[in-house]
């Protein structure tokens, strides 16, 4: 149950961030907003990580560090730039649910690359995401 609460809290945070990004991007380019967001986020995250998990960071295996580095590059600079550009162009109410379709891609990759199997609940969730995207994209 705690995991669900964390998930809902993350969803709330992402929703709020989309609105804040829309307001912040009214007078600046998406690239500038991305840079400011990344610098501030990196400072806060690194400080918290070292305060609470210094030992774990120092013991991190090299290969794990490389995977985290690749994930960070795809997720933060590239993902945030595309997210902010989408918010700037389409607004938060349309772009946030589309960005929220990431479980669809995570499911496809987890099955094809990670060797995970699909079950009824995953199939229903995936179809729900596709249906929601179709509804959002069909509105003018």
Protein backbone atom coordinates (compact mmCIF):
# COMPACT_ATOMS: atom_id res chain seq x y z
CA UNK A 1 0.00 0.00 0.00
CA UNK A 2 2.90 2.33 0.71
CA UNK A 3 4.13 1.83 -2.87
CA UNK A 4 0.74 2.94 -4.21
CA UNK A 5 0.87 6.03 -2.00
CA UNK A 6 4.34 6.87 -3.31
CA UNK A 7 3.11 6.34 -6.88
CA UNK A 8 0.15 8.66 -6.37
CA UNK A 9 2.42 11.24 -4.74
CA UNK A 10 4.76 11.06 -7.73
CA UNK A 11 1.80 11.48 -10.09
CA UNK A 12 0.68 14.54 -8.13
CA UNK A 13 4.20 15.95 -8.30
CA UNK A 14 4.44 15.40 -12.05
CA UNK A 15 1.04 17.05 -12.54
CA UNK A 16 2.06 20.08 -10.52
CA UNK A 17 5.38 20.24 -12.38
CA UNK A 18 3.56 20.36 -15.74
CA UNK A 19 1.52 23.35 -14.59
CA UNK A 20 4.58 25.11 -13.16
CA UNK A 21 6.50 24.41 -16.38
CA UNK A 22 3.69 25.89 -18.47
CA UNK A 23 3.71 29.07 -16.38
CA UNK A 24 7.51 29.26 -16.34
CA UNK A 25 7.82 28.70 -20.08
CA UNK A 26 5.60 31.64 -21.04
CA UNK A 27 8.53 34.01 -21.44
CA UNK A 28 11.50 31.71 -22.09
CA UNK A 29 12.48 28.94 -24.49
CA UNK A 30 12.03 25.30 -23.55
CA UNK A 31 15.80 24.82 -23.74
CA UNK A 32 16.41 27.56 -21.17
CA UNK A 33 13.71 26.16 -18.89
CA UNK A 34 15.23 22.70 -19.21
CA UNK A 35 18.70 23.98 -18.30
CA UNK A 36 17.44 25.86 -15.24
CA UNK A 37 15.39 22.86 -14.13
CA UNK A 38 18.30 20.45 -14.58
CA UNK A 39 20.80 22.62 -12.68
CA UNK A 40 18.48 23.19 -9.73
CA UNK A 41 17.32 19.56 -9.71
CA UNK A 42 20.87 18.23 -9.86
CA UNK A 43 22.03 20.36 -6.93
CA UNK A 44 19.09 19.31 -4.76
CA UNK A 45 19.26 15.63 -5.73
CA UNK A 46 23.02 15.31 -5.28
CA UNK A 47 22.88 17.01 -1.89
CA UNK A 48 20.10 14.71 -0.66
CA UNK A 49 21.75 11.60 -2.12
CA UNK A 50 25.06 12.29 -0.41
CA UNK A 51 23.43 13.24 2.90
CA UNK A 52 21.32 10.09 3.10
CA UNK A 53 23.20 7.49 1.01
CA UNK A 54 26.92 8.33 0.87
CA UNK A 55 28.02 4.74 1.59
CA UNK A 56 25.76 3.25 -1.08
CA UNK A 57 26.97 5.75 -3.67
CA UNK A 58 30.62 5.04 -2.92
CA UNK A 59 30.04 1.25 -3.11
CA UNK A 60 28.12 1.40 -6.41
CA UNK A 61 29.50 -1.05 -8.97
CA UNK A 62 30.93 0.49 -12.14
CA UNK A 63 28.49 -1.27 -14.46
CA UNK A 64 25.53 -0.14 -12.32
CA UNK A 65 26.86 3.41 -12.45
CA UNK A 66 27.00 3.23 -16.26
CA UNK A 67 23.37 2.05 -16.46
CA UNK A 68 22.30 4.88 -14.15
CA UNK A 69 24.30 7.34 -16.26
CA UNK A 70 22.58 6.17 -19.45
CA UNK A 71 19.19 6.34 -17.76
CA UNK A 72 19.93 9.83 -16.44
CA UNK A 73 20.96 11.10 -19.88
CA UNK A 74 17.82 9.78 -21.56
CA UNK A 75 15.45 10.74 -18.75
CA UNK A 76 16.66 14.11 -17.61
CA UNK A 77 18.10 16.33 -20.36
CA UNK A 78 16.40 14.69 -23.33
CA UNK A 79 13.15 13.72 -21.63
CA UNK A 80 12.74 17.02 -19.84
CA UNK A 81 13.49 19.05 -22.97
CA UNK A 82 10.89 17.13 -24.95
CA UNK A 83 8.44 17.35 -22.04
CA UNK A 84 8.89 21.11 -21.66
CA UNK A 85 8.60 21.59 -25.42
CA UNK A 86 5.36 19.61 -25.40
CA UNK A 87 3.99 21.63 -22.48
CA UNK A 88 4.99 24.85 -24.21
CA UNK A 89 3.32 23.86 -27.48
CA UNK A 90 0.25 21.87 -26.36
CA UNK A 91 -0.26 22.87 -22.73
CA UNK A 92 -0.01 20.79 -19.60
CA UNK A 93 -3.48 19.24 -19.82
CA UNK A 94 -2.66 17.57 -23.14
CA UNK A 95 1.06 16.90 -22.85
CA UNK A 96 1.11 15.51 -19.28
CA UNK A 97 -1.17 12.52 -20.02
CA UNK A 98 0.86 11.75 -23.13
CA UNK A 99 4.08 11.84 -21.11
CA UNK A 100 2.21 9.72 -18.58
CA UNK A 101 1.98 6.98 -21.19
CA UNK A 102 5.50 5.93 -20.23
CA UNK A 103 4.20 2.69 -18.62
CA UNK A 104 3.18 1.60 -22.12
CA UNK A 105 6.77 1.87 -23.32
CA UNK A 106 8.15 0.44 -20.08
CA UNK A 107 5.87 -2.58 -20.49
CA UNK A 108 6.91 -3.16 -24.09
CA UNK A 109 10.61 -2.91 -23.20
CA UNK A 110 10.25 -5.02 -20.05
CA UNK A 111 8.65 -7.81 -22.09
CA UNK A 112 10.93 -7.58 -25.13
CA UNK A 113 14.27 -6.85 -23.41
CA UNK A 114 13.76 -7.68 -19.74
CA UNK A 115 12.14 -11.06 -20.29
CA UNK A 116 9.08 -10.19 -18.19
CA UNK A 117 5.77 -11.81 -18.99
CA UNK A 118 2.43 -10.17 -19.62
CA UNK A 119 -0.60 -10.98 -17.48
CA UNK A 120 -4.24 -9.92 -17.51
CA UNK A 121 -3.75 -6.83 -15.33
CA UNK A 122 -0.81 -5.59 -17.38
CA UNK A 123 -2.79 -6.13 -20.60
CA UNK A 124 -5.80 -4.23 -19.20
CA UNK A 125 -3.57 -1.38 -18.00
CA UNK A 126 -1.79 -1.18 -21.34
CA UNK A 127 -5.07 -1.10 -23.26
CA UNK A 128 -6.37 1.60 -20.89
CA UNK A 129 -3.33 3.76 -21.61
CA UNK A 130 -3.81 3.33 -25.35
CA UNK A 131 -7.52 4.18 -25.02
CA UNK A 132 -6.77 7.29 -22.97
CA UNK A 133 -4.18 8.48 -25.47
CA UNK A 134 -6.64 7.96 -28.32
CA UNK A 135 -9.23 10.06 -26.50
CA UNK A 136 -6.77 12.89 -25.79
CA UNK A 137 -5.38 12.95 -29.32
CA UNK A 138 -8.84 12.85 -30.93
CA UNK A 139 -9.93 16.08 -29.19
CA UNK A 140 -9.28 19.33 -30.96
